């Protein structure tokens, strides 16, 4: 609801309009929306008030946290005296004329207007008339949305003629995109509703074609894992290969000096022929296992690691 309030945190008190804005494609009824509103009122999240135009509006009580550099107000401003359920006070005088409810006010003042003294009438006649602010694209979007909320059957017919359904997306999103796309069009600015009703079916037809052209998830090829397809990387030996001093020091560091002294010259030579650090580690592990099991027999003792030794 916050997304559809003006910069003062106010929104028309219409469950049908709110339903079209927030839940355009859901199966919520207007009565259910009214129950949600009543629950928010009971919890103090919103209040209902009556504007100077005798229409009812909702105000978000936590709106004071919002900051705007140049706020614009589409609806009558909210004040504590305007909430329904409070006693209505004359907004011109601010005192003297107090009513218990709207019905009493209209009965005593006539159609909801306050009586003015003669001096006030003359003063009001002299006051300059202020023109209403010009409409922007947000006002046109709101106008179109309100019309859609009040003419859901006609909106469904437009979607049906275009072949547009829920698989292609939400119609409410297309309404917003349509109004944003034609915001600077002079025909749209002069008569937004007539323009919308004439063009929106064709817009939905184009949107359907774009949605149908996109590949479905079932048609997409599964993404192949680069890790699974890539061969394991091996660390190459240092420039010049592994020297006897290098492999002896590596074996001593890993398995201790006692076992290192049991390495034969042939085994050390074999270790220097390793083509990668991974191969060197595997061959040293094979020699260690042979020594541990007491089966060191020179080259023949490498049967357990034959698959890891280089062939000549």
C-alpha atoms as a PDB file:
ATOM      1  CA  UNK A   1       0.000   0.000   0.000  1.00  0.00           C
ATOM      2  CA  UNK A   2       2.940   2.341   0.696  1.00  0.00           C
ATOM      3  CA  UNK A   3       3.929   2.166  -2.982  1.00  0.00           C
ATOM      4  CA  UNK A   4       0.617   3.692  -4.088  1.00  0.00           C
ATOM      5  CA  UNK A   5       0.291   6.512  -1.524  1.00  0.00           C
ATOM      6  CA  UNK A   6       1.110  10.107  -2.395  1.00  0.00           C
ATOM      7  CA  UNK A   7       3.999  11.931  -0.742  1.00  0.00           C
ATOM      8  CA  UNK A   8       1.814  12.628   2.264  1.00  0.00           C
ATOM      9  CA  UNK A   9       1.146   8.938   2.940  1.00  0.00           C
ATOM     10  CA  UNK A  10      -2.486   9.173   1.819  1.00  0.00           C
ATOM     11  CA  UNK A  11      -4.544   6.812  -0.353  1.00  0.00           C
ATOM     12  CA  UNK A  12      -8.202   6.819  -1.457  1.00  0.00           C
ATOM     13  CA  UNK A  13     -10.349   4.673   0.843  1.00  0.00           C
ATOM     14  CA  UNK A  14     -11.374   2.238  -1.913  1.00  0.00           C
ATOM     15  CA  UNK A  15     -10.905  -1.496  -1.381  1.00  0.00           C
ATOM     16  CA  UNK A  16     -11.501  -2.146  -5.079  1.00  0.00           C
ATOM     17  CA  UNK A  17      -8.763   0.287  -6.134  1.00  0.00           C
ATOM     18  CA  UNK A  18      -6.321  -1.118  -3.578  1.00  0.00           C
ATOM     19  CA  UNK A  19      -7.059  -4.666  -4.714  1.00  0.00           C
ATOM     20  CA  UNK A  20      -6.224  -3.809  -8.334  1.00  0.00           C
ATOM     21  CA  UNK A  21      -3.005  -2.056  -7.324  1.00  0.00           C
ATOM     22  CA  UNK A  22      -1.625  -4.627  -4.864  1.00  0.00           C
ATOM     23  CA  UNK A  23      -3.319  -7.938  -5.820  1.00  0.00           C
ATOM     24  CA  UNK A  24      -4.342  -7.578  -9.493  1.00  0.00           C
ATOM     25  CA  UNK A  25      -3.868 -11.241 -10.353  1.00  0.00           C
ATOM     26  CA  UNK A  26      -4.824 -12.851  -7.032  1.00  0.00           C
ATOM     27  CA  UNK A  27      -8.158 -14.285  -5.987  1.00  0.00           C
ATOM     28  CA  UNK A  28      -8.748 -11.908  -3.088  1.00  0.00           C
ATOM     29  CA  UNK A  29     -12.271 -10.496  -2.928  1.00  0.00           C
ATOM     30  CA  UNK A  30     -13.120  -6.908  -2.092  1.00  0.00           C
ATOM     31  CA  UNK A  31     -14.544  -8.092   1.247  1.00  0.00           C
ATOM     32  CA  UNK A  32     -11.244  -9.755   2.116  1.00  0.00           C
ATOM     33  CA  UNK A  33      -9.374  -6.559   1.279  1.00  0.00           C
ATOM     34  CA  UNK A  34     -11.800  -4.709   3.561  1.00  0.00           C
ATOM     35  CA  UNK A  35     -11.028  -7.146   6.380  1.00  0.00           C
ATOM     36  CA  UNK A  36      -7.302  -6.539   5.907  1.00  0.00           C
ATOM     37  CA  UNK A  37      -7.874  -2.786   6.044  1.00  0.00           C
ATOM     38  CA  UNK A  38      -9.982  -3.140   9.215  1.00  0.00           C
ATOM     39  CA  UNK A  39      -7.209  -5.169  10.847  1.00  0.00           C
ATOM     40  CA  UNK A  40      -4.633  -2.500   9.991  1.00  0.00           C
ATOM     41  CA  UNK A  41      -6.928   0.199  11.388  1.00  0.00           C
ATOM     42  CA  UNK A  42      -7.418  -1.788  14.604  1.00  0.00           C
ATOM     43  CA  UNK A  43      -3.648  -2.093  15.004  1.00  0.00           C
ATOM     44  CA  UNK A  44      -3.075   1.590  14.388  1.00  0.00           C
ATOM     45  CA  UNK A  45      -1.152   1.119  11.134  1.00  0.00           C
ATOM     46  CA  UNK A  46      -3.525   3.299   9.116  1.00  0.00           C
ATOM     47  CA  UNK A  47      -6.354   5.712   9.936  1.00  0.00           C
ATOM     48  CA  UNK A  48      -9.348   6.672   7.861  1.00  0.00           C
ATOM     49  CA  UNK A  49     -10.171  10.329   7.452  1.00  0.00           C
ATOM     50  CA  UNK A  50     -12.450  12.575   5.434  1.00  0.00           C
ATOM     51  CA  UNK A  51     -10.970  15.196   3.127  1.00  0.00           C
ATOM     52  CA  UNK A  52     -12.306  18.630   2.324  1.00  0.00           C
ATOM     53  CA  UNK A  53     -13.956  17.084  -0.753  1.00  0.00           C
ATOM     54  CA  UNK A  54     -16.162  14.924   1.537  1.00  0.00           C
ATOM     55  CA  UNK A  55     -14.384  11.777   0.295  1.00  0.00           C
ATOM     56  CA  UNK A  56     -12.718   9.253   2.589  1.00  0.00           C
ATOM     57  CA  UNK A  57      -9.008   8.450   2.518  1.00  0.00           C
ATOM     58  CA  UNK A  58      -6.512   6.246   4.362  1.00  0.00           C
ATOM     59  CA  UNK A  59      -3.369   7.646   5.978  1.00  0.00           C
ATOM     60  CA  UNK A  60      -0.309   5.541   6.891  1.00  0.00           C
ATOM     61  CA  UNK A  61       0.515   6.398  10.512  1.00  0.00           C
ATOM     62  CA  UNK A  62       4.222   5.600  10.133  1.00  0.00           C
ATOM     63  CA  UNK A  63       4.661   7.910   7.152  1.00  0.00           C
ATOM     64  CA  UNK A  64       6.532  10.536   9.191  1.00  0.00           C
ATOM     65  CA  UNK A  65       9.711   8.509   8.612  1.00  0.00           C
ATOM     66  CA  UNK A  66       9.558   9.329   4.864  1.00  0.00           C
ATOM     67  CA  UNK A  67      11.541  12.371   3.698  1.00  0.00           C
ATOM     68  CA  UNK A  68      10.975  14.126   0.346  1.00  0.00           C
ATOM     69  CA  UNK A  69      12.833  17.110  -1.057  1.00  0.00           C
ATOM     70  CA  UNK A  70       9.909  18.289  -3.175  1.00  0.00           C
ATOM     71  CA  UNK A  71       6.780  16.433  -1.996  1.00  0.00           C
ATOM     72  CA  UNK A  72       3.645  16.413  -4.126  1.00  0.00           C
ATOM     73  CA  UNK A  73       0.188  15.727  -2.750  1.00  0.00           C
ATOM     74  CA  UNK A  74      -2.500  14.147  -4.922  1.00  0.00           C
ATOM     75  CA  UNK A  75      -5.059  13.828  -2.140  1.00  0.00           C
ATOM     76  CA  UNK A  76      -6.258  16.079   0.702  1.00  0.00           C
ATOM     77  CA  UNK A  77      -3.725  16.284   3.497  1.00  0.00           C
ATOM     78  CA  UNK A  78      -4.308  14.379   6.707  1.00  0.00           C
ATOM     79  CA  UNK A  79      -4.648  15.988  10.115  1.00  0.00           C
ATOM     80  CA  UNK A  80      -5.769  14.602  13.472  1.00  0.00           C
ATOM     81  CA  UNK A  81      -9.075  16.450  13.253  1.00  0.00           C
ATOM     82  CA  UNK A  82     -10.101  14.736   9.998  1.00  0.00           C
ATOM     83  CA  UNK A  83     -10.176  11.087  11.115  1.00  0.00           C
ATOM     84  CA  UNK A  84     -13.578   9.442  10.910  1.00  0.00           C
ATOM     85  CA  UNK A  85     -14.963   8.616  14.300  1.00  0.00           C
ATOM     86  CA  UNK A  86     -13.728  11.914  15.788  1.00  0.00           C
ATOM     87  CA  UNK A  87     -15.926  14.969  16.217  1.00  0.00           C
ATOM     88  CA  UNK A  88     -15.832  17.118  13.080  1.00  0.00           C
ATOM     89  CA  UNK A  89     -14.657  20.690  13.584  1.00  0.00           C
ATOM     90  CA  UNK A  90     -15.097  23.616  11.222  1.00  0.00           C
ATOM     91  CA  UNK A  91     -11.691  23.717   9.379  1.00  0.00           C
ATOM     92  CA  UNK A  92     -12.148  27.415   8.548  1.00  0.00           C
ATOM     93  CA  UNK A  93     -12.776  28.827  11.997  1.00  0.00           C
ATOM     94  CA  UNK A  94     -11.191  26.009  13.993  1.00  0.00           C
ATOM     95  CA  UNK A  95     -13.659  26.624  16.836  1.00  0.00           C
ATOM     96  CA  UNK A  96     -17.287  27.256  17.610  1.00  0.00           C
ATOM     97  CA  UNK A  97     -18.913  24.740  15.238  1.00  0.00           C
ATOM     98  CA  UNK A  98     -18.468  21.246  16.713  1.00  0.00           C
ATOM     99  CA  UNK A  99     -20.451  18.240  15.524  1.00  0.00           C
ATOM    100  CA  UNK A 100     -20.757  14.752  16.922  1.00  0.00           C
ATOM    101  CA  UNK A 101     -20.699  13.048  13.498  1.00  0.00           C
ATOM    102  CA  UNK A 102     -20.905  13.693   9.778  1.00  0.00           C
ATOM    103  CA  UNK A 103     -24.687  13.231   9.622  1.00  0.00           C
ATOM    104  CA  UNK A 104     -25.276  15.927  12.220  1.00  0.00           C
ATOM    105  CA  UNK A 105     -22.859  18.226  10.367  1.00  0.00           C
ATOM    106  CA  UNK A 106     -24.642  17.781   7.037  1.00  0.00           C
ATOM    107  CA  UNK A 107     -28.063  18.223   8.654  1.00  0.00           C
ATOM    108  CA  UNK A 108     -27.143  21.447  10.375  1.00  0.00           C
ATOM    109  CA  UNK A 109     -24.969  22.967   7.671  1.00  0.00           C
ATOM    110  CA  UNK A 110     -26.600  21.537   4.544  1.00  0.00           C
ATOM    111  CA  UNK A 111     -24.802  19.113   2.199  1.00  0.00           C
ATOM    112  CA  UNK A 112     -21.616  19.272   4.235  1.00  0.00           C
ATOM    113  CA  UNK A 113     -20.839  22.984   3.735  1.00  0.00           C
ATOM    114  CA  UNK A 114     -20.102  25.398   6.558  1.00  0.00           C
ATOM    115  CA  UNK A 115     -22.019  28.578   6.976  1.00  0.00           C
ATOM    116  CA  UNK A 116     -19.936  31.687   6.554  1.00  0.00           C
ATOM    117  CA  UNK A 117     -20.459  35.060   8.026  1.00  0.00           C
ATOM    118  CA  UNK A 118     -20.948  37.995   5.703  1.00  0.00           C
ATOM    119  CA  UNK A 119     -17.429  39.331   6.264  1.00  0.00           C
ATOM    120  CA  UNK A 120     -15.913  35.947   5.461  1.00  0.00           C
ATOM    121  CA  UNK A 121     -17.946  35.677   2.232  1.00  0.00           C
ATOM    122  CA  UNK A 122     -16.636  39.013   1.016  1.00  0.00           C
ATOM    123  CA  UNK A 123     -13.065  38.029   1.942  1.00  0.00           C
ATOM    124  CA  UNK A 124     -13.348  34.741   0.069  1.00  0.00           C
ATOM    125  CA  UNK A 125     -14.638  36.500  -3.051  1.00  0.00           C
ATOM    126  CA  UNK A 126     -11.563  38.732  -3.096  1.00  0.00           C
ATOM    127  CA  UNK A 127      -9.133  35.840  -2.643  1.00  0.00           C
ATOM    128  CA  UNK A 128      -7.409  34.816  -5.903  1.00  0.00           C
ATOM    129  CA  UNK A 129      -8.371  31.468  -7.408  1.00  0.00           C
ATOM    130  CA  UNK A 130      -5.485  29.007  -7.434  1.00  0.00           C
ATOM    131  CA  UNK A 131      -5.314  26.642 -10.405  1.00  0.00           C
ATOM    132  CA  UNK A 132      -4.821  22.948  -9.640  1.00  0.00           C
ATOM    133  CA  UNK A 133      -1.315  21.574 -10.266  1.00  0.00           C
ATOM    134  CA  UNK A 134      -0.726  20.051 -13.726  1.00  0.00           C
ATOM    135  CA  UNK A 135      -0.995  16.297 -14.057  1.00  0.00           C
ATOM    136  CA  UNK A 136       2.168  14.234 -14.538  1.00  0.00           C
ATOM    137  CA  UNK A 137       2.631  10.680 -15.741  1.00  0.00           C
ATOM    138  CA  UNK A 138       2.044   9.353 -12.207  1.00  0.00           C
ATOM    139  CA  UNK A 139      -1.441  10.902 -12.226  1.00  0.00           C
ATOM    140  CA  UNK A 140      -2.163   9.292 -15.607  1.00  0.00           C
ATOM    141  CA  UNK A 141      -0.917   5.931 -14.333  1.00  0.00           C
ATOM    142  CA  UNK A 142      -3.153   6.220 -11.295  1.00  0.00           C
ATOM    143  CA  UNK A 143      -6.096   7.140 -13.513  1.00  0.00           C
ATOM    144  CA  UNK A 144      -5.535   4.097 -15.716  1.00  0.00           C
ATOM    145  CA  UNK A 145      -5.118   1.802 -12.708  1.00  0.00           C
ATOM    146  CA  UNK A 146      -8.353   3.013 -11.151  1.00  0.00           C
ATOM    147  CA  UNK A 147     -10.162   2.404 -14.439  1.00  0.00           C
ATOM    148  CA  UNK A 148      -8.699  -1.129 -14.622  1.00  0.00           C
ATOM    149  CA  UNK A 149      -9.858  -1.852 -11.086  1.00  0.00           C
ATOM    150  CA  UNK A 150     -13.375  -0.750 -11.967  1.00  0.00           C
ATOM    151  CA  UNK A 151     -13.474  -2.573 -15.338  1.00  0.00           C
ATOM    152  CA  UNK A 152     -11.820  -5.916 -14.675  1.00  0.00           C
ATOM    153  CA  UNK A 153     -14.122  -7.716 -17.124  1.00  0.00           C
ATOM    154  CA  UNK A 154     -13.117  -5.434 -19.990  1.00  0.00           C
ATOM    155  CA  UNK A 155      -9.441  -5.804 -19.018  1.00  0.00           C
ATOM    156  CA  UNK A 156      -9.806  -9.607 -19.146  1.00  0.00           C
ATOM    157  CA  UNK A 157     -11.380  -9.334 -22.602  1.00  0.00           C
ATOM    158  CA  UNK A 158      -8.391  -7.325 -23.828  1.00  0.00           C
ATOM    159  CA  UNK A 159      -6.031 -10.001 -22.539  1.00  0.00           C
ATOM    160  CA  UNK A 160      -8.186 -12.760 -24.064  1.00  0.00           C
ATOM    161  CA  UNK A 161      -8.231 -11.085 -27.496  1.00  0.00           C
ATOM    162  CA  UNK A 162      -4.451 -10.780 -27.375  1.00  0.00           C
ATOM    163  CA  UNK A 163      -4.019 -14.390 -26.209  1.00  0.00           C
ATOM    164  CA  UNK A 164      -2.183 -13.119 -23.131  1.00  0.00           C
ATOM    165  CA  UNK A 165      -2.443 -15.333 -20.027  1.00  0.00           C
ATOM    166  CA  UNK A 166      -0.715 -15.881 -16.704  1.00  0.00           C
ATOM    167  CA  UNK A 167       2.047 -17.893 -18.386  1.00  0.00           C
ATOM    168  CA  UNK A 168       3.162 -14.730 -20.176  1.00  0.00           C
ATOM    169  CA  UNK A 169       3.205 -12.616 -17.012  1.00  0.00           C
ATOM    170  CA  UNK A 170       0.973 -10.356 -14.913  1.00  0.00           C
ATOM    171  CA  UNK A 171      -1.343  -7.958 -16.739  1.00  0.00           C
ATOM    172  CA  UNK A 172      -0.815  -5.321 -14.047  1.00  0.00           C
ATOM    173  CA  UNK A 173       2.894  -5.230 -14.875  1.00  0.00           C
ATOM    174  CA  UNK A 174       2.052  -4.625 -18.531  1.00  0.00           C
ATOM    175  CA  UNK A 175      -0.266  -1.766 -17.519  1.00  0.00           C
ATOM    176  CA  UNK A 176       2.624  -0.069 -15.709  1.00  0.00           C
ATOM    177  CA  UNK A 177       5.012  -0.661 -18.621  1.00  0.00           C
ATOM    178  CA  UNK A 178       2.448   0.683 -21.095  1.00  0.00           C
ATOM    179  CA  UNK A 179       1.892   3.918 -19.175  1.00  0.00           C
ATOM    180  CA  UNK A 180       5.630   4.433 -18.639  1.00  0.00           C
ATOM    181  CA  UNK A 181       6.371   3.840 -22.326  1.00  0.00           C
ATOM    182  CA  UNK A 182       3.804   6.377 -23.559  1.00  0.00           C
ATOM    183  CA  UNK A 183       4.261   8.888 -20.714  1.00  0.00           C
ATOM    184  CA  UNK A 184       5.544  11.612 -23.092  1.00  0.00           C
ATOM    185  CA  UNK A 185       3.071  10.892 -25.885  1.00  0.00           C
ATOM    186  CA  UNK A 186       0.786  13.881 -26.418  1.00  0.00           C
ATOM    187  CA  UNK A 187      -2.263  11.731 -27.252  1.00  0.00           C
ATOM    188  CA  UNK A 188      -1.763   9.760 -24.050  1.00  0.00           C
ATOM    189  CA  UNK A 189      -1.350  12.935 -21.987  1.00  0.00           C
ATOM    190  CA  UNK A 190      -4.512  14.508 -23.414  1.00  0.00           C
ATOM    191  CA  UNK A 191      -6.764  11.461 -23.025  1.00  0.00           C
ATOM    192  CA  UNK A 192      -5.018   8.650 -21.114  1.00  0.00           C
ATOM    193  CA  UNK A 193      -8.078   6.392 -20.771  1.00  0.00           C
ATOM    194  CA  UNK A 194      -9.121   6.597 -24.423  1.00  0.00           C
ATOM    195  CA  UNK A 195      -5.522   6.037 -25.504  1.00  0.00           C
ATOM    196  CA  UNK A 196      -5.157   3.060 -23.162  1.00  0.00           C
ATOM    197  CA  UNK A 197      -8.374   1.381 -24.313  1.00  0.00           C
ATOM    198  CA  UNK A 198      -7.411   1.799 -27.966  1.00  0.00           C
ATOM    199  CA  UNK A 199      -3.796   0.627 -27.732  1.00  0.00           C
ATOM    200  CA  UNK A 200      -3.521  -1.828 -24.838  1.00  0.00           C
ATOM    201  CA  UNK A 201      -4.785  -4.921 -26.707  1.00  0.00           C
ATOM    202  CA  UNK A 202      -2.070  -4.465 -29.341  1.00  0.00           C
ATOM    203  CA  UNK A 203       0.471  -3.913 -26.574  1.00  0.00           C
ATOM    204  CA  UNK A 204      -0.480  -7.242 -24.960  1.00  0.00           C
ATOM    205  CA  UNK A 205      -0.249  -8.995 -28.346  1.00  0.00           C
ATOM    206  CA  UNK A 206       3.327  -7.767 -28.757  1.00  0.00           C
ATOM    207  CA  UNK A 207       4.182  -8.721 -25.176  1.00  0.00           C
ATOM    208  CA  UNK A 208       2.836 -12.237 -25.803  1.00  0.00           C
ATOM    209  CA  UNK A 209       5.004 -12.622 -28.927  1.00  0.00           C
ATOM    210  CA  UNK A 210       8.094 -11.565 -26.988  1.00  0.00           C
ATOM    211  CA  UNK A 211       7.303 -13.978 -24.156  1.00  0.00           C
ATOM    212  CA  UNK A 212       6.676 -16.870 -26.572  1.00  0.00           C
ATOM    213  CA  UNK A 213       9.988 -16.210 -28.327  1.00  0.00           C
ATOM    214  CA  UNK A 214      11.955 -16.771 -25.132  1.00  0.00           C
ATOM    215  CA  UNK A 215      13.104 -20.383 -24.631  1.00  0.00           C
ATOM    216  CA  UNK A 216      11.336 -22.232 -21.869  1.00  0.00           C
ATOM    217  CA  UNK A 217      13.268 -23.684 -18.980  1.00  0.00           C
ATOM    218  CA  UNK A 218      12.569 -27.225 -20.195  1.00  0.00           C
ATOM    219  CA  UNK A 219      14.056 -26.337 -23.618  1.00  0.00           C
ATOM    220  CA  UNK A 220      17.251 -24.885 -22.265  1.00  0.00           C
ATOM    221  CA  UNK A 221      20.334 -27.043 -22.359  1.00  0.00           C
ATOM    222  CA  UNK A 222      21.627 -27.996 -18.918  1.00  0.00           C
ATOM    223  CA  UNK A 223      24.604 -26.019 -17.815  1.00  0.00           C
ATOM    224  CA  UNK A 224      27.723 -28.154 -17.846  1.00  0.00           C
ATOM    225  CA  UNK A 225      29.992 -28.018 -14.893  1.00  0.00           C
ATOM    226  CA  UNK A 226      33.374 -26.659 -15.813  1.00  0.00           C
ATOM    227  CA  UNK A 227      34.923 -28.421 -12.853  1.00  0.00           C
ATOM    228  CA  UNK A 228      33.625 -31.804 -13.999  1.00  0.00           C
ATOM    229  CA  UNK A 229      34.764 -31.367 -17.599  1.00  0.00           C
ATOM    230  CA  UNK A 230      38.139 -29.822 -16.894  1.00  0.00           C
ATOM    231  CA  UNK A 231      41.052 -32.166 -16.394  1.00  0.00           C
ATOM    232  CA  UNK A 232      42.695 -31.961 -12.969  1.00  0.00           C
ATOM    233  CA  UNK A 233      45.572 -29.531 -13.016  1.00  0.00           C
ATOM    234  CA  UNK A 234      49.019 -30.837 -12.092  1.00  0.00           C
ATOM    235  CA  UNK A 235      51.865 -28.827 -10.651  1.00  0.00           C
ATOM    236  CA  UNK A 236      54.862 -29.065 -13.001  1.00  0.00           C
ATOM    237  CA  UNK A 237      58.342 -29.659 -11.601  1.00  0.00           C
ATOM    238  CA  UNK A 238      60.665 -26.706 -11.066  1.00  0.00           C
ATOM    239  CA  UNK A 239      62.948 -25.608 -13.916  1.00  0.00           C
ATOM    240  CA  UNK A 240      65.585 -28.283 -14.426  1.00  0.00           C
ATOM    241  CA  UNK A 241      63.425 -31.016 -12.876  1.00  0.00           C
ATOM    242  CA  UNK A 242      63.649 -32.638  -9.446  1.00  0.00           C
ATOM    243  CA  UNK A 243      67.212 -33.086  -8.217  1.00  0.00           C
ATOM    244  CA  UNK A 244      68.435 -35.852  -5.917  1.00  0.00           C
ATOM    245  CA  UNK A 245      68.914 -33.296  -3.134  1.00  0.00           C
ATOM    246  CA  UNK A 246      65.352 -32.022  -3.575  1.00  0.00           C
ATOM    247  CA  UNK A 247      63.631 -35.432  -3.448  1.00  0.00           C
ATOM    248  CA  UNK A 248      65.843 -36.579  -0.528  1.00  0.00           C
ATOM    249  CA  UNK A 249      64.989 -33.467   1.474  1.00  0.00           C
ATOM    250  CA  UNK A 250      61.280 -33.856   0.638  1.00  0.00           C
ATOM    251  CA  UNK A 251      61.270 -37.521   1.704  1.00  0.00           C
ATOM    252  CA  UNK A 252      63.157 -36.716   4.935  1.00  0.00           C
ATOM    253  CA  UNK A 253      60.766 -33.863   5.763  1.00  0.00           C
ATOM    254  CA  UNK A 254      57.711 -36.074   5.287  1.00  0.00           C
ATOM    255  CA  UNK A 255      58.796 -39.467   6.691  1.00  0.00           C
ATOM    256  CA  UNK A 256      61.827 -38.778   8.838  1.00  0.00           C
ATOM    257  CA  UNK A 257      65.604 -39.221   8.542  1.00  0.00           C
ATOM    258  CA  UNK A 258      65.631 -42.925   9.478  1.00  0.00           C
ATOM    259  CA  UNK A 259      63.469 -43.995   6.542  1.00  0.00           C
ATOM    260  CA  UNK A 260      65.201 -41.518   4.233  1.00  0.00           C
ATOM    261  CA  UNK A 261      68.547 -43.270   4.858  1.00  0.00           C
ATOM    262  CA  UNK A 262      66.985 -46.514   3.610  1.00  0.00           C
ATOM    263  CA  UNK A 263      66.336 -45.047   0.125  1.00  0.00           C
ATOM    264  CA  UNK A 264      68.557 -46.628  -2.521  1.00  0.00           C
ATOM    265  CA  UNK A 265      70.234 -44.742  -5.343  1.00  0.00           C
ATOM    266  CA  UNK A 266      67.871 -46.361  -7.830  1.00  0.00           C
ATOM    267  CA  UNK A 267      64.844 -45.162  -5.845  1.00  0.00           C
ATOM    268  CA  UNK A 268      66.212 -41.625  -5.602  1.00  0.00           C
ATOM    269  CA  UNK A 269      66.872 -41.637  -9.345  1.00  0.00           C
ATOM    270  CA  UNK A 270      63.319 -42.841  -9.953  1.00  0.00           C
ATOM    271  CA  UNK A 271      61.916 -40.044  -7.809  1.00  0.00           C
ATOM    272  CA  UNK A 272      63.818 -37.426  -9.823  1.00  0.00           C
ATOM    273  CA  UNK A 273      61.978 -38.650 -12.950  1.00  0.00           C
ATOM    274  CA  UNK A 274      58.543 -37.595 -11.601  1.00  0.00           C
ATOM    275  CA  UNK A 275      56.638 -35.349 -14.044  1.00  0.00           C
ATOM    276  CA  UNK A 276      54.656 -33.396 -11.444  1.00  0.00           C
ATOM    277  CA  UNK A 277      54.484 -32.696  -7.751  1.00  0.00           C
ATOM    278  CA  UNK A 278      51.459 -35.007  -7.504  1.00  0.00           C
ATOM    279  CA  UNK A 279      53.396 -37.916  -9.075  1.00  0.00           C
ATOM    280  CA  UNK A 280      56.375 -37.311  -6.810  1.00  0.00           C
ATOM    281  CA  UNK A 281      54.103 -37.395  -3.762  1.00  0.00           C
ATOM    282  CA  UNK A 282      52.492 -40.673  -4.903  1.00  0.00           C
ATOM    283  CA  UNK A 283      55.856 -42.353  -5.576  1.00  0.00           C
ATOM    284  CA  UNK A 284      57.280 -41.306  -2.215  1.00  0.00           C
ATOM    285  CA  UNK A 285      54.123 -42.674  -0.564  1.00  0.00           C
ATOM    286  CA  UNK A 286      54.701 -45.999  -2.395  1.00  0.00           C
ATOM    287  CA  UNK A 287      58.303 -46.275  -1.188  1.00  0.00           C
ATOM    288  CA  UNK A 288      57.215 -45.415   2.338  1.00  0.00           C
ATOM    289  CA  UNK A 289      54.569 -48.164   2.338  1.00  0.00           C
ATOM    290  CA  UNK A 290      57.127 -50.666   1.055  1.00  0.00           C
ATOM    291  CA  UNK A 291      59.542 -49.750   3.828  1.00  0.00           C
ATOM    292  CA  UNK A 292      56.792 -49.871   6.415  1.00  0.00           C
ATOM    293  CA  UNK A 293      55.732 -53.351   5.377  1.00  0.00           C
ATOM    294  CA  UNK A 294      59.345 -54.597   5.290  1.00  0.00           C
ATOM    295  CA  UNK A 295      59.192 -55.393   1.584  1.00  0.00           C
ATOM    296  CA  UNK A 296      61.768 -53.042   0.195  1.00  0.00           C
ATOM    297  CA  UNK A 297      63.177 -55.003  -2.719  1.00  0.00           C
ATOM    298  CA  UNK A 298      64.521 -52.311  -4.978  1.00  0.00           C
ATOM    299  CA  UNK A 299      62.487 -51.802  -8.112  1.00  0.00           C
ATOM    300  CA  UNK A 300      60.477 -55.012  -7.678  1.00  0.00           C
ATOM    301  CA  UNK A 301      59.135 -53.701  -4.430  1.00  0.00           C
ATOM    302  CA  UNK A 302      57.106 -51.102  -6.327  1.00  0.00           C
ATOM    303  CA  UNK A 303      54.369 -53.468  -7.480  1.00  0.00           C
ATOM    304  CA  UNK A 304      51.856 -51.815  -5.149  1.00  0.00           C
ATOM    305  CA  UNK A 305      52.338 -48.495  -6.912  1.00  0.00           C
ATOM    306  CA  UNK A 306      53.048 -49.757 -10.407  1.00  0.00           C
ATOM    307  CA  UNK A 307      50.279 -47.646 -11.918  1.00  0.00           C
ATOM    308  CA  UNK A 308      51.955 -44.466 -10.672  1.00  0.00           C
ATOM    309  CA  UNK A 309      55.479 -45.198 -11.936  1.00  0.00           C
ATOM    310  CA  UNK A 310      56.704 -44.024 -15.324  1.00  0.00           C
ATOM    311  CA  UNK A 311      57.216 -46.674 -17.987  1.00  0.00           C
ATOM    312  CA  UNK A 312      60.378 -46.983 -20.015  1.00  0.00           C
END
